[in-house]
Amino acid sequence: MSVGQAIGVIIFTAAQNKIEIVEYAPGTIKKMVAGDGRADKKMVQHAVREVLGPKVRSRNHGKTHFDNSADALAVAMCHAFKLKEEVSKNG
């Protein structure tokens, strides 16, 4: 399945279940997480580790492939930070 097809399925399923979809540009994620909209992957990974802790391990205590995990965690962190901003603005 291509990425475009997967996104289509996600959007369709979310719409059927009345779930809001939020998207962020890469620069926005980098700015919210690493403090710099032009941050490279290593800077974003460092920022994720700073917030969530330095030890990212698999169940067998080996190192994980952190690239994709860090990207997903950065998106989640960005959304959490945005929600916090909205709550602060709206009191």
N, C-alpha and C. Protein backbone atom coordinates (compact mmCIF):
# COMPACT_ATOMS: atom_id res chain seq x y z
N MET A 1 0.85 -1.17 0.00
CA MET A 1 0.00 0.00 0.00
C MET A 1 0.90 1.24 0.00
N SER A 2 0.58 2.18 -0.84
CA SER A 2 1.37 3.41 -0.89
C SER A 2 1.00 4.33 0.27
N VAL A 3 1.85 5.30 0.54
CA VAL A 3 1.58 6.26 1.61
C VAL A 3 0.29 7.01 1.32
N GLY A 4 0.10 7.40 0.07
CA GLY A 4 -1.12 8.13 -0.30
C GLY A 4 -2.38 7.31 -0.04
N GLN A 5 -2.32 6.02 -0.35
CA GLN A 5 -3.47 5.14 -0.10
C GLN A 5 -3.71 5.00 1.40
N ALA A 6 -2.65 4.85 2.16
CA ALA A 6 -2.79 4.71 3.61
C ALA A 6 -3.41 5.98 4.21
N ILE A 7 -2.96 7.13 3.76
CA ILE A 7 -3.52 8.39 4.25
C ILE A 7 -5.00 8.48 3.90
N GLY A 8 -5.34 8.06 2.68
CA GLY A 8 -6.74 8.06 2.27
C GLY A 8 -7.61 7.19 3.18
N VAL A 9 -7.12 6.02 3.52
CA VAL A 9 -7.86 5.12 4.41
C VAL A 9 -8.02 5.76 5.79
N ILE A 10 -6.96 6.37 6.28
CA ILE A 10 -7.01 7.02 7.60
C ILE A 10 -8.02 8.16 7.60
N ILE A 11 -7.99 9.01 6.58
CA ILE A 11 -8.93 10.13 6.49
C ILE A 11 -10.36 9.63 6.38
N PHE A 12 -10.58 8.63 5.55
CA PHE A 12 -11.92 8.06 5.37
C PHE A 12 -12.45 7.49 6.69
N THR A 13 -11.62 6.72 7.36
CA THR A 13 -12.03 6.09 8.63
C THR A 13 -12.30 7.15 9.70
N ALA A 14 -11.45 8.17 9.74
CA ALA A 14 -11.66 9.25 10.71
C ALA A 14 -12.98 9.97 10.43
N ALA A 15 -13.25 10.25 9.16
CA ALA A 15 -14.50 10.93 8.79
C ALA A 15 -15.72 10.09 9.18
N GLN A 16 -15.65 8.80 8.93
CA GLN A 16 -16.77 7.91 9.28
C GLN A 16 -17.03 7.93 10.79
N ASN A 17 -15.98 8.11 11.57
CA ASN A 17 -16.11 8.08 13.02
C ASN A 17 -16.11 9.47 13.66
N LYS A 18 -16.25 10.50 12.80
CA LYS A 18 -16.30 11.89 13.24
C LYS A 18 -15.10 12.28 14.11
N ILE A 19 -13.92 11.83 13.69
CA ILE A 19 -12.68 12.14 14.38
C ILE A 19 -11.95 13.24 13.61
N GLU A 20 -11.61 14.30 14.31
CA GLU A 20 -10.90 15.42 13.68
C GLU A 20 -9.48 15.00 13.32
N ILE A 21 -9.04 15.43 12.15
CA ILE A 21 -7.65 15.20 11.73
C ILE A 21 -6.94 16.54 11.74
N VAL A 22 -5.75 16.54 12.32
CA VAL A 22 -4.94 17.74 12.39
C VAL A 22 -3.61 17.44 11.71
N GLU A 23 -3.16 18.36 10.87
CA GLU A 23 -1.87 18.19 10.19
C GLU A 23 -0.97 19.36 10.55
N TYR A 24 0.32 19.08 10.61
CA TYR A 24 1.31 20.12 10.88
C TYR A 24 2.41 20.04 9.82
N ALA A 25 2.86 21.19 9.38
CA ALA A 25 3.98 21.26 8.45
C ALA A 25 5.25 20.84 9.17
N PRO A 26 6.20 20.26 8.46
CA PRO A 26 7.45 19.84 9.11
C PRO A 26 8.13 20.97 9.88
N GLY A 27 8.14 22.17 9.32
CA GLY A 27 8.76 23.31 9.99
C GLY A 27 8.08 23.66 11.30
N THR A 28 6.77 23.50 11.34
CA THR A 28 6.02 23.76 12.57
C THR A 28 6.39 22.75 13.64
N ILE A 29 6.47 21.48 13.26
CA ILE A 29 6.84 20.43 14.21
C ILE A 29 8.25 20.70 14.74
N LYS A 30 9.17 21.01 13.86
CA LYS A 30 10.55 21.27 14.27
C LYS A 30 10.62 22.47 15.20
N LYS A 31 9.87 23.52 14.90
CA LYS A 31 9.86 24.73 15.72
C LYS A 31 9.29 24.44 17.11
N MET A 32 8.18 23.71 17.15
CA MET A 32 7.52 23.42 18.43
C MET A 32 8.36 22.48 19.31
N VAL A 33 9.05 21.53 18.69
CA VAL A 33 9.76 20.51 19.45
C VAL A 33 11.21 20.90 19.73
N ALA A 34 11.90 21.38 18.70
CA ALA A 34 13.33 21.68 18.84
C ALA A 34 13.62 23.17 18.98
N GLY A 35 12.59 24.00 18.77
CA GLY A 35 12.80 25.44 18.90
C GLY A 35 13.33 26.11 17.66
N ASP A 36 13.47 25.37 16.58
CA ASP A 36 14.02 25.89 15.32
C ASP A 36 13.31 25.20 14.16
N GLY A 37 12.61 25.97 13.35
CA GLY A 37 11.87 25.42 12.23
C GLY A 37 12.75 24.79 11.16
N ARG A 38 14.05 25.01 11.24
CA ARG A 38 14.99 24.42 10.28
C ARG A 38 15.86 23.34 10.93
N ALA A 39 15.45 22.86 12.08
CA ALA A 39 16.22 21.85 12.80
C ALA A 39 16.40 20.60 11.94
N ASP A 40 17.57 19.98 12.06
CA ASP A 40 17.78 18.72 11.34
C ASP A 40 17.28 17.56 12.20
N LYS A 41 17.32 16.36 11.63
CA LYS A 41 16.80 15.17 12.32
C LYS A 41 17.46 14.95 13.67
N LYS A 42 18.76 15.14 13.74
CA LYS A 42 19.48 14.92 15.00
C LYS A 42 19.02 15.89 16.07
N MET A 43 18.76 17.14 15.69
CA MET A 43 18.29 18.14 16.65
C MET A 43 16.91 17.78 17.19
N VAL A 44 16.04 17.30 16.29
CA VAL A 44 14.70 16.90 16.71
C VAL A 44 14.79 15.69 17.63
N GLN A 45 15.61 14.72 17.26
CA GLN A 45 15.78 13.53 18.10
C GLN A 45 16.30 13.92 19.49
N HIS A 46 17.25 14.83 19.52
CA HIS A 46 17.79 15.29 20.81
C HIS A 46 16.69 15.94 21.65
N ALA A 47 15.87 16.77 21.01
CA ALA A 47 14.79 17.44 21.73
C ALA A 47 13.77 16.43 22.26
N VAL A 48 13.45 15.41 21.46
CA VAL A 48 12.52 14.37 21.90
C VAL A 48 13.09 13.66 23.12
N ARG A 49 14.36 13.32 23.05
CA ARG A 49 14.99 12.64 24.19
C ARG A 49 15.05 13.53 25.43
N GLU A 50 15.25 14.83 25.23
CA GLU A 50 15.29 15.75 26.36
C GLU A 50 13.96 15.75 27.12
N VAL A 51 12.86 15.70 26.36
CA VAL A 51 11.54 15.75 26.98
C VAL A 51 11.12 14.38 27.52
N LEU A 52 11.34 13.34 26.74
CA LEU A 52 10.82 12.02 27.10
C LEU A 52 11.81 11.10 27.78
N GLY A 53 13.06 11.51 27.83
CA GLY A 53 14.06 10.71 28.50
C GLY A 53 15.05 10.12 27.51
N PRO A 54 16.28 9.92 27.93
CA PRO A 54 17.34 9.50 27.02
C PRO A 54 17.32 8.02 26.65
N LYS A 55 16.65 7.21 27.44
CA LYS A 55 16.70 5.78 27.19
C LYS A 55 15.50 5.32 26.37
N VAL A 56 15.75 4.99 25.14
CA VAL A 56 14.72 4.42 24.28
C VAL A 56 15.20 3.03 23.94
N ARG A 57 14.59 2.05 24.51
CA ARG A 57 15.04 0.66 24.37
C ARG A 57 13.89 -0.24 23.96
N SER A 58 14.22 -1.31 23.31
CA SER A 58 13.21 -2.31 22.98
C SER A 58 13.03 -3.24 24.17
N ARG A 59 12.08 -4.14 24.08
CA ARG A 59 11.82 -5.06 25.18
C ARG A 59 13.03 -5.92 25.53
N ASN A 60 13.83 -6.24 24.53
CA ASN A 60 15.00 -7.08 24.81
C ASN A 60 16.21 -6.23 25.18
N HIS A 61 15.96 -4.96 25.50
CA HIS A 61 16.98 -4.02 25.95
C HIS A 61 18.04 -3.70 24.90
N GLY A 62 17.76 -3.98 23.65
CA GLY A 62 18.65 -3.56 22.57
C GLY A 62 18.25 -2.18 22.09
N LYS A 63 19.09 -1.53 21.34
CA LYS A 63 18.74 -0.22 20.81
C LYS A 63 17.67 -0.37 19.75
N THR A 64 16.77 0.60 19.69
CA THR A 64 15.72 0.59 18.68
C THR A 64 16.14 1.47 17.51
N HIS A 65 15.39 1.40 16.44
CA HIS A 65 15.58 2.31 15.32
C HIS A 65 14.79 3.57 15.69
N PHE A 66 15.51 4.58 16.11
CA PHE A 66 14.88 5.75 16.72
C PHE A 66 14.37 6.76 15.68
N ASP A 67 14.85 6.73 14.45
CA ASP A 67 14.45 7.74 13.46
C ASP A 67 12.95 7.86 13.31
N ASN A 68 12.27 6.78 12.95
CA ASN A 68 10.83 6.83 12.72
C ASN A 68 10.07 7.07 14.02
N SER A 69 10.54 6.47 15.09
CA SER A 69 9.89 6.67 16.39
C SER A 69 9.98 8.14 16.81
N ALA A 70 11.15 8.72 16.63
CA ALA A 70 11.33 10.13 17.01
C ALA A 70 10.44 11.03 16.17
N ASP A 71 10.29 10.73 14.89
CA ASP A 71 9.40 11.53 14.04
C ASP A 71 7.96 11.46 14.57
N ALA A 72 7.49 10.27 14.87
CA ALA A 72 6.12 10.11 15.37
C ALA A 72 5.95 10.79 16.71
N LEU A 73 6.93 10.64 17.59
CA LEU A 73 6.86 11.28 18.90
C LEU A 73 6.90 12.80 18.78
N ALA A 74 7.68 13.30 17.84
CA ALA A 74 7.76 14.75 17.62
C ALA A 74 6.41 15.30 17.16
N VAL A 75 5.72 14.58 16.30
CA VAL A 75 4.39 15.01 15.85
C VAL A 75 3.43 15.04 17.04
N ALA A 76 3.46 13.99 17.86
CA ALA A 76 2.59 13.93 19.04
C ALA A 76 2.91 15.06 20.02
N MET A 77 4.20 15.32 20.22
CA MET A 77 4.60 16.40 21.12
C MET A 77 4.14 17.75 20.58
N CYS A 78 4.30 17.96 19.29
CA CYS A 78 3.87 19.20 18.65
C CYS A 78 2.37 19.41 18.90
N HIS A 79 1.60 18.37 18.70
CA HIS A 79 0.15 18.49 18.91
C HIS A 79 -0.16 18.81 20.37
N ALA A 80 0.52 18.14 21.28
CA ALA A 80 0.30 18.41 22.71
C ALA A 80 0.65 19.87 23.05
N PHE A 81 1.77 20.36 22.51
CA PHE A 81 2.18 21.74 22.76
C PHE A 81 1.17 22.72 22.18
N LYS A 82 0.64 22.42 20.98
CA LYS A 82 -0.37 23.28 20.36
C LYS A 82 -1.64 23.31 21.19
N LEU A 83 -2.08 22.14 21.68
CA LEU A 83 -3.27 22.08 22.52
C LEU A 83 -3.06 22.90 23.79
N LYS A 84 -1.88 22.81 24.36
CA LYS A 84 -1.57 23.59 25.57
C LYS A 84 -1.64 25.07 25.28
N GLU A 85 -1.13 25.49 24.11
CA GLU A 85 -1.20 26.90 23.71
C GLU A 85 -2.66 27.35 23.62
N GLU A 86 -3.51 26.53 23.00
CA GLU A 86 -4.93 26.86 22.85
C GLU A 86 -5.61 27.00 24.19
N VAL A 87 -5.32 26.10 25.12
CA VAL A 87 -5.91 26.16 26.45
C VAL A 87 -5.47 27.44 27.15
N SER A 88 -4.19 27.79 27.01
CA SER A 88 -3.68 29.02 27.64
C SER A 88 -4.35 30.26 27.08
N LYS A 89 -4.56 30.27 25.76
CA LYS A 89 -5.20 31.43 25.11
C LYS A 89 -6.66 31.57 25.55
N ASN A 90 -7.36 30.44 25.66
CA ASN A 90 -8.78 30.46 25.95
C ASN A 90 -9.10 30.45 27.45
N GLY A 91 -8.06 30.37 28.26
CA GLY A 91 -8.22 30.43 29.70
C GLY A 91 -8.79 29.20 30.26
